[in-house]
N, C-alpha and C. Protein backbone atom coordinates (compact mmCIF):
# COMPACT_ATOMS: atom_id res chain seq x y z
N UNK A 1 0.91 -1.08 0.01
CA UNK A 1 -0.04 -0.15 -0.02
C UNK A 1 1.00 1.41 0.07
N UNK A 2 0.71 2.09 -0.96
CA UNK A 2 1.72 3.29 -1.03
C UNK A 2 1.17 4.18 -0.20
N UNK A 3 1.95 5.53 0.25
CA UNK A 3 1.67 6.47 1.11
C UNK A 3 0.51 7.06 1.02
N UNK A 4 0.08 7.33 -0.27
CA UNK A 4 -0.97 8.10 -0.48
C UNK A 4 -2.25 7.22 -0.37
N UNK A 5 -2.23 6.07 -0.63
CA UNK A 5 -3.37 5.41 -0.41
C UNK A 5 -3.56 4.97 1.13
N UNK A 6 -2.40 4.79 1.91
CA UNK A 6 -2.59 4.85 3.23
C UNK A 6 -2.97 5.78 4.02
N UNK A 7 -2.72 7.13 3.69
CA UNK A 7 -3.21 8.23 4.17
C UNK A 7 -4.65 8.50 3.81
N UNK A 8 -4.88 8.38 2.37
CA UNK A 8 -6.29 8.66 1.84
C UNK A 8 -7.38 7.74 2.65
N UNK A 9 -6.76 6.70 2.85
CA UNK A 9 -8.00 5.59 3.48
C UNK A 9 -7.81 5.57 5.10
N UNK A 10 -7.15 6.48 5.83
CA UNK A 10 -6.98 6.54 7.18
C UNK A 10 -7.98 6.23 8.11
N UNK A 11 -9.10 7.02 7.75
CA UNK A 11 -10.51 6.96 8.37
C UNK A 11 -11.06 5.53 8.59
N UNK A 12 -10.77 4.97 7.22
CA UNK A 12 -11.43 3.45 7.24
C UNK A 12 -10.48 2.51 8.03
N UNK A 13 -9.12 2.96 7.81
CA UNK A 13 -7.86 1.99 8.36
C UNK A 13 -7.92 1.95 9.92
N UNK A 14 -8.15 3.20 10.62
CA UNK A 14 -7.99 3.68 11.88
C UNK A 14 -8.56 2.70 12.94
N UNK A 15 -9.90 2.15 12.42
CA UNK A 15 -10.42 1.11 13.31
C UNK A 15 -9.72 -0.29 12.93
N UNK A 16 -9.19 -0.81 11.93
CA UNK A 16 -8.55 -1.79 11.76
C UNK A 16 -7.18 -1.70 12.52
N UNK A 17 -6.51 -0.67 12.77
CA UNK A 17 -5.04 -0.30 13.14
C UNK A 17 -5.44 -0.48 14.85
N UNK A 18 -6.36 0.21 15.29
CA UNK A 18 -6.72 -0.11 16.64
C UNK A 18 -6.90 -1.29 17.21
N UNK A 19 -7.89 -2.30 16.14
CA UNK A 19 -8.18 -3.74 16.39
C UNK A 19 -6.95 -4.50 16.33
N UNK A 20 -5.87 -4.15 15.81
CA UNK A 20 -4.71 -5.08 15.44
C UNK A 20 -3.96 -4.68 16.57
N UNK A 21 -3.64 -3.19 16.88
CA UNK A 21 -2.86 -2.73 18.06
C UNK A 21 -3.43 -2.29 19.07
N UNK A 22 -4.13 -2.77 19.91
CA UNK A 22 -4.74 -2.43 20.87
C UNK A 22 -4.23 -1.41 21.93
N UNK A 23 -2.79 -1.48 21.99
CA UNK A 23 -2.05 -0.43 22.96
C UNK A 23 -2.05 0.80 22.44
N UNK A 24 -2.45 0.96 21.32
CA UNK A 24 -2.29 2.22 20.36
C UNK A 24 -3.63 3.26 21.14
N UNK A 25 -3.46 4.13 21.54
CA UNK A 25 -4.64 5.18 21.78
C UNK A 25 -5.28 5.92 21.13
N UNK A 26 -6.59 6.44 20.99
CA UNK A 26 -6.98 7.20 20.33
C UNK A 26 -6.14 8.54 19.92
N UNK A 27 -5.69 9.19 20.89
CA UNK A 27 -4.61 10.05 21.10
C UNK A 27 -3.20 9.88 19.85
N UNK A 28 -2.95 8.35 19.90
CA UNK A 28 -1.77 8.25 19.23
C UNK A 28 -2.15 7.88 17.87
N UNK A 29 -3.42 7.75 17.47
CA UNK A 29 -4.19 7.65 16.24
C UNK A 29 -4.33 8.77 15.57
N UNK A 30 -4.91 9.90 16.53
CA UNK A 30 -4.65 11.28 15.96
C UNK A 30 -3.62 11.85 15.32
N UNK A 31 -2.55 11.45 16.52
CA UNK A 31 -0.97 12.04 16.00
C UNK A 31 -0.52 11.01 14.74
N UNK A 32 -0.77 10.11 14.50
CA UNK A 32 -0.30 9.44 13.36
C UNK A 32 -0.81 9.84 12.15
N UNK A 33 -2.23 10.10 12.14
CA UNK A 33 -3.15 10.92 11.18
C UNK A 33 -2.52 10.31 9.73
N UNK A 34 -2.72 9.03 9.70
CA UNK A 34 -2.60 8.26 8.10
C UNK A 34 -0.96 8.34 7.73
N UNK A 35 0.06 8.65 8.71
CA UNK A 35 1.43 8.70 8.30
C UNK A 35 1.81 7.32 8.69
N UNK A 36 2.57 6.67 7.74
CA UNK A 36 2.87 5.20 8.25
C UNK A 36 4.02 5.24 8.92
N UNK A 37 4.88 6.29 8.62
CA UNK A 37 6.23 6.25 9.52
C UNK A 37 5.84 6.62 10.72
N UNK A 38 4.80 7.51 11.03
CA UNK A 38 4.57 7.70 12.37
C UNK A 38 3.78 6.38 13.07
N UNK A 39 3.01 5.50 12.33
CA UNK A 39 2.39 4.29 12.86
C UNK A 39 3.57 3.42 13.36
N UNK A 40 4.62 3.44 12.66
CA UNK A 40 5.99 2.52 12.71
C UNK A 40 6.39 3.05 14.07
N UNK A 41 6.66 4.33 14.08
CA UNK A 41 7.27 4.85 15.43
C UNK A 41 6.49 4.55 16.58
N UNK A 42 5.20 4.64 16.61
CA UNK A 42 4.37 4.56 17.66
C UNK A 42 4.25 2.75 18.04
N UNK A 43 4.31 2.02 17.20
CA UNK A 43 4.37 0.72 17.25
C UNK A 43 5.73 0.23 17.99
N UNK A 44 6.82 0.93 17.60
CA UNK A 44 8.15 0.66 18.50
C UNK A 44 7.96 1.44 19.76
N UNK A 45 7.40 2.19 20.05
CA UNK A 45 7.34 2.92 21.56
C UNK A 45 6.18 2.09 22.25
N UNK A 46 5.07 1.65 21.65
CA UNK A 46 4.09 0.81 22.54
C UNK A 46 4.43 -0.26 22.72
N UNK A 47 4.82 -1.08 21.74
CA UNK A 47 5.33 -2.61 21.84
C UNK A 47 6.64 -2.79 21.93
N UNK A 48 7.72 -1.95 21.79
CA UNK A 48 9.03 -2.17 22.16
C UNK A 48 9.71 -3.15 20.85
N UNK A 49 9.15 -2.60 19.76
CA UNK A 49 9.70 -3.38 18.44
C UNK A 49 10.65 -2.62 18.05
N UNK A 50 11.70 -3.29 17.39
CA UNK A 50 12.81 -2.40 16.89
C UNK A 50 12.47 -1.77 15.33
N UNK A 51 12.96 -0.96 14.78
CA UNK A 51 12.34 -0.55 13.43
C UNK A 51 11.96 -1.41 12.36
N UNK A 52 13.21 -2.33 12.28
CA UNK A 52 12.91 -3.33 11.29
C UNK A 52 11.48 -4.17 11.74
N UNK A 53 11.44 -4.85 12.85
CA UNK A 53 10.24 -5.29 13.14
C UNK A 53 9.13 -4.83 13.16
N UNK A 54 9.11 -3.39 13.37
CA UNK A 54 7.51 -2.52 13.32
C UNK A 54 7.25 -2.64 11.93
N UNK A 55 8.33 -2.22 10.69
CA UNK A 55 8.21 -2.31 9.37
C UNK A 55 7.62 -3.88 8.83
N UNK A 56 8.31 -5.03 9.60
CA UNK A 56 7.73 -6.01 9.26
C UNK A 56 6.23 -6.31 9.47
N UNK A 57 5.85 -6.00 10.91
CA UNK A 57 4.62 -6.21 11.07
C UNK A 57 3.50 -5.13 10.48
N UNK A 58 3.92 -3.91 9.96
CA UNK A 58 3.25 -3.13 9.05
C UNK A 58 3.13 -3.92 7.95
N UNK A 59 4.05 -4.21 7.12
CA UNK A 59 4.16 -4.93 5.96
C UNK A 59 2.95 -5.97 5.94
N UNK A 60 3.28 -6.82 6.87
CA UNK A 60 2.24 -7.85 7.02
C UNK A 60 0.71 -7.41 7.14
N UNK A 61 0.53 -6.53 8.00
CA UNK A 61 -0.68 -6.01 8.23
C UNK A 61 -1.19 -5.35 6.83
N UNK A 62 -0.69 -4.61 6.17
CA UNK A 62 -0.93 -3.98 5.19
C UNK A 62 -1.47 -5.21 3.73
N UNK A 63 -0.54 -6.20 3.76
CA UNK A 63 -1.06 -7.23 2.93
C UNK A 63 -2.19 -7.94 3.03
N UNK A 64 -2.80 -7.88 4.26
CA UNK A 64 -3.86 -8.49 5.00
C UNK A 64 -5.03 -7.69 4.84
N UNK A 65 -4.71 -6.39 4.98
CA UNK A 65 -5.98 -5.27 4.96
C UNK A 65 -6.04 -4.46 3.35
N UNK A 66 -5.23 -5.23 2.37
CA UNK A 66 -5.28 -4.18 1.07
C UNK A 66 -6.25 -5.01 0.19
């Protein structure tokens, strides 16, 4: 999923993101605002993932939700 599609569909994806990663708060989702890099950063912060691990989880999630 490219950056524009991710950002353009953020309102629809937001619920799926929260369902997948329940440790993310509504405030986190507001800050992320459809920015994939911000989401990766929040996953690192909330789940203790390394950068590569966060990207791997996001890639897998995107394949499932595209």
